[in-house]
Amino acid sequence: MINKILKTESNWGALIARLTLGVVLFAHGAQKMLGWFGGYGFESTVEAFMTEMGLPWFVAFAVIIIEFYGSIFLILGLGSRLWSLAVAGLFMGIIFTTQLEYGFYMNWYGNQAGEGFEFSLLVIGIAVVVLINGGGKYAVDSRITKLLNKS
């Protein structure tokens, strides 16, 4: 079972998808967890999610964990399929809870009340590529699989 989860296609496309997803997600996760890049940090983000968005504490916590730790593990290629599944689920939740009512397009010109779901759809698409192919070249998953197959 663990071999199927960690198995990865050793190709450049999967590597590019994994790194793109990890790097883009890291910036957002670091805002929420650490307050980097103009973010508010963990406590303030959880508070905002709970008070402004009405999310339960556990959901606010899960969003931050998936975006921060998930991005790091994706960059490393460790548990790539699991983290990409979590990311796809997170962004589907974002679409249905906060973006669907604003339509497809992001709020490029500040002329709508919220963000559309085009960015989230791209994230989900990239996450599905990683889910299907695994982490690609240089993923820690492939090294673990090789070690497990030797024993």
Protein backbone atom coordinates (compact mmCIF):
# COMPACT_ATOMS: atom_id res chain seq x y z
CA MET A 1 0.00 0.00 0.00
CA ILE A 2 2.73 2.48 0.99
CA ASN A 3 4.62 1.62 -2.23
CA LYS A 4 1.58 2.59 -4.32
CA ILE A 5 1.26 5.93 -2.51
CA LEU A 6 4.96 6.77 -2.81
CA LYS A 7 5.51 5.37 -6.32
CA THR A 8 6.42 8.13 -8.72
CA GLU A 9 7.05 8.50 -12.41
CA SER A 10 10.63 9.71 -12.78
CA ASN A 11 9.93 12.43 -15.33
CA TRP A 12 10.52 16.13 -15.71
CA GLY A 13 6.85 17.07 -16.09
CA ALA A 14 5.92 15.67 -12.69
CA LEU A 15 8.94 17.41 -11.14
CA ILE A 16 7.93 20.75 -12.68
CA ALA A 17 4.33 20.35 -11.52
CA ARG A 18 5.42 19.38 -7.98
CA LEU A 19 7.89 22.26 -7.63
CA THR A 20 5.49 24.80 -9.13
CA LEU A 21 2.74 23.74 -6.74
CA GLY A 22 5.11 23.67 -3.77
CA VAL A 23 6.76 27.04 -4.40
CA VAL A 24 3.53 28.93 -5.12
CA LEU A 25 1.81 27.33 -2.14
CA PHE A 26 4.79 28.04 0.14
CA ALA A 27 4.40 31.80 -0.25
CA HIS A 28 0.76 31.59 0.84
CA GLY A 29 1.50 29.14 3.65
CA ALA A 30 4.37 31.27 4.98
CA GLN A 31 2.07 34.29 5.09
CA LYS A 32 -0.40 32.37 7.22
CA MET A 33 2.04 30.43 9.42
CA LEU A 34 4.93 32.86 9.89
CA GLY A 35 3.64 36.26 8.86
CA TRP A 36 6.15 36.41 5.99
CA PHE A 37 5.47 38.21 2.69
CA GLY A 38 2.97 40.60 4.26
CA GLY A 39 0.97 37.91 6.04
CA TYR A 40 -0.55 38.01 9.50
CA GLY A 41 0.98 34.90 11.06
CA PHE A 42 -0.64 31.87 12.61
CA GLU A 43 -2.71 33.30 15.45
CA SER A 44 -4.09 36.27 13.52
CA THR A 45 -4.88 34.13 10.48
CA VAL A 46 -6.75 31.55 12.57
CA GLU A 47 -8.65 34.34 14.27
CA ALA A 48 -9.57 35.94 10.94
CA PHE A 49 -10.70 32.62 9.48
CA MET A 50 -12.89 32.00 12.51
CA THR A 51 -14.40 35.47 12.93
CA GLU A 52 -14.55 36.85 9.39
CA MET A 53 -15.19 33.61 7.51
CA GLY A 54 -16.96 31.63 10.21
CA LEU A 55 -14.69 28.62 9.85
CA PRO A 56 -14.23 26.23 12.77
CA TRP A 57 -10.81 26.27 14.46
CA PHE A 58 -9.90 22.85 13.07
CA VAL A 59 -10.57 23.94 9.47
CA ALA A 60 -8.54 27.14 9.91
CA PHE A 61 -5.72 25.06 11.39
CA ALA A 62 -5.90 22.51 8.55
CA VAL A 63 -5.72 25.25 5.89
CA ILE A 64 -2.52 26.63 7.39
CA ILE A 65 -0.94 23.19 7.86
CA ILE A 66 -1.74 22.10 4.31
CA GLU A 67 -0.45 25.32 2.76
CA PHE A 68 2.71 25.59 4.88
CA TYR A 69 3.88 22.03 5.58
CA GLY A 70 2.29 20.64 2.44
CA SER A 71 4.28 23.07 0.32
CA ILE A 72 7.55 22.11 2.00
CA PHE A 73 6.86 18.39 1.61
CA LEU A 74 5.88 18.93 -2.03
CA ILE A 75 9.12 20.80 -2.73
CA LEU A 76 11.01 17.87 -1.20
CA GLY A 77 8.86 15.32 -2.99
CA LEU A 78 7.90 13.58 0.24
CA GLY A 79 4.35 12.25 0.34
CA SER A 80 3.68 14.08 -2.93
CA ARG A 81 0.46 12.24 -3.74
CA LEU A 82 -1.00 12.70 -0.26
CA TRP A 83 -0.14 16.39 -0.06
CA SER A 84 -1.42 17.05 -3.58
CA LEU A 85 -4.72 15.36 -2.65
CA ALA A 86 -4.94 17.58 0.43
CA VAL A 87 -4.17 20.68 -1.66
CA ALA A 88 -6.81 19.77 -4.27
CA GLY A 89 -9.37 19.24 -1.51
CA LEU A 90 -8.44 22.51 0.17
CA PHE A 91 -8.80 24.52 -3.01
CA MET A 92 -12.09 22.85 -3.92
CA GLY A 93 -13.29 23.96 -0.50
CA ILE A 94 -12.03 27.48 -1.17
CA ILE A 95 -13.93 27.59 -4.46
CA PHE A 96 -17.21 26.43 -2.94
CA THR A 97 -17.02 28.51 0.24
CA THR A 98 -15.59 31.83 -0.94
CA GLN A 99 -15.06 32.13 -4.70
CA LEU A 100 -17.91 30.55 -6.65
CA GLU A 101 -20.26 33.49 -6.14
CA TYR A 102 -17.73 35.84 -7.79
CA GLY A 103 -17.42 33.85 -11.00
CA PHE A 104 -14.44 32.59 -12.90
CA TYR A 105 -12.08 35.54 -13.07
CA MET A 106 -9.82 36.80 -10.32
CA ASN A 107 -10.35 40.36 -9.18
CA TRP A 108 -7.59 41.82 -11.36
CA TYR A 109 -9.01 45.34 -11.45
CA GLY A 110 -10.63 45.54 -8.01
CA ASN A 111 -14.08 45.93 -9.49
CA GLN A 112 -15.79 43.00 -7.73
CA ALA A 113 -16.33 42.18 -4.07
CA GLY A 114 -14.19 39.02 -4.06
CA GLU A 115 -11.94 36.72 -6.06
CA GLY A 116 -13.13 34.35 -8.78
CA PHE A 117 -11.89 30.79 -8.90
CA GLU A 118 -9.47 30.75 -11.84
CA PHE A 119 -6.34 30.61 -9.63
CA SER A 120 -7.82 27.86 -7.48
CA LEU A 121 -8.71 25.87 -10.58
CA LEU A 122 -5.11 26.08 -11.77
CA VAL A 123 -3.88 24.89 -8.38
CA ILE A 124 -6.29 21.95 -8.47
CA GLY A 125 -5.16 21.03 -12.00
CA ILE A 126 -1.50 21.01 -11.01
CA ALA A 127 -2.29 19.06 -7.84
CA VAL A 128 -4.11 16.41 -9.90
CA VAL A 129 -1.06 16.06 -12.16
CA VAL A 130 1.08 15.36 -9.09
CA LEU A 131 -1.59 13.04 -7.68
CA ILE A 132 -1.60 10.96 -10.88
CA ASN A 133 2.16 10.95 -11.61
CA GLY A 134 3.73 11.27 -8.20
CA GLY A 135 6.56 13.65 -7.46
CA GLY A 136 8.68 13.06 -10.55
CA LYS A 137 12.45 13.30 -10.74
CA TYR A 138 14.42 13.91 -7.56
CA ALA A 139 11.46 13.18 -5.28
CA VAL A 140 12.27 11.75 -1.86
CA ASP A 141 9.31 9.40 -2.45
CA SER A 142 11.26 7.49 -5.11
CA ARG A 143 14.22 6.98 -2.78
CA ILE A 144 11.94 5.66 -0.04
CA THR A 145 10.25 3.32 -2.54
CA LYS A 146 13.66 1.95 -3.61
CA LEU A 147 14.63 1.34 0.03
CA LEU A 148 11.32 -0.40 0.76
CA ASN A 149 11.66 -2.63 -2.31
CA LYS A 150 15.16 -3.72 -1.23
CA SER A 151 13.99 -5.00 2.16
